[in-house]
């Protein structure tokens, strides 16, 4: 039995340029995420678990 393959979505015109703009912006900000709070939380959980 054959499975139908869905078409690949293609971005055009305004949608494509907006997508490229957003990806470039996200790529430039890539290293700006701060995980200090999550790190502290995980360290405290591991200390309580004696790991």
Protein backbone atom coordinates (compact mmCIF):
# COMPACT_ATOMS: atom_id res chain seq x y z
CA UNK A 1 0.00 0.00 0.00
CA UNK A 2 1.46 3.37 -1.00
CA UNK A 3 1.65 6.31 1.37
CA UNK A 4 0.91 9.74 -0.03
CA UNK A 5 3.86 12.11 0.26
CA UNK A 6 2.94 15.65 1.16
CA UNK A 7 4.35 18.47 -0.89
CA UNK A 8 7.21 20.57 0.42
CA UNK A 9 6.03 24.05 1.40
CA UNK A 10 7.71 26.82 -0.57
CA UNK A 11 8.04 30.34 0.76
CA UNK A 12 7.52 33.10 -1.79
CA UNK A 13 7.83 36.87 -2.00
CA UNK A 14 7.08 38.69 1.27
CA UNK A 15 6.90 35.51 3.36
CA UNK A 16 10.30 34.34 2.12
CA UNK A 17 12.02 37.65 2.79
CA UNK A 18 10.46 37.87 6.26
CA UNK A 19 11.62 34.33 7.03
CA UNK A 20 15.19 35.12 5.93
CA UNK A 21 15.19 38.33 7.99
CA UNK A 22 13.99 36.50 11.10
CA UNK A 23 16.51 33.66 10.70
CA UNK A 24 19.39 36.12 10.29
CA UNK A 25 18.26 37.98 13.39
CA UNK A 26 17.95 34.77 15.41
CA UNK A 27 21.36 33.58 14.23
CA UNK A 28 23.02 36.82 15.26
CA UNK A 29 21.51 36.57 18.77
CA UNK A 30 22.31 32.88 19.13
CA UNK A 31 24.75 33.20 22.04
CA UNK A 32 22.66 35.59 24.12
CA UNK A 33 20.69 32.99 26.11
CA UNK A 34 21.46 32.99 29.82
CA UNK A 35 21.09 29.63 31.58
CA UNK A 36 22.42 30.65 35.03
CA UNK A 37 19.10 30.08 36.80
CA UNK A 38 18.57 26.66 35.19
CA UNK A 39 22.15 25.70 36.04
CA UNK A 40 21.69 26.67 39.70
CA UNK A 41 18.46 24.71 39.83
CA UNK A 42 20.05 21.58 38.36
CA UNK A 43 23.02 21.82 40.74
CA UNK A 44 20.72 22.03 43.74
CA UNK A 45 18.68 19.04 42.52
CA UNK A 46 21.86 16.98 42.03
CA UNK A 47 23.14 17.95 45.50
CA UNK A 48 19.87 16.81 47.08
CA UNK A 49 20.12 13.53 45.17
CA UNK A 50 23.75 13.07 46.31
CA UNK A 51 25.01 12.71 42.77
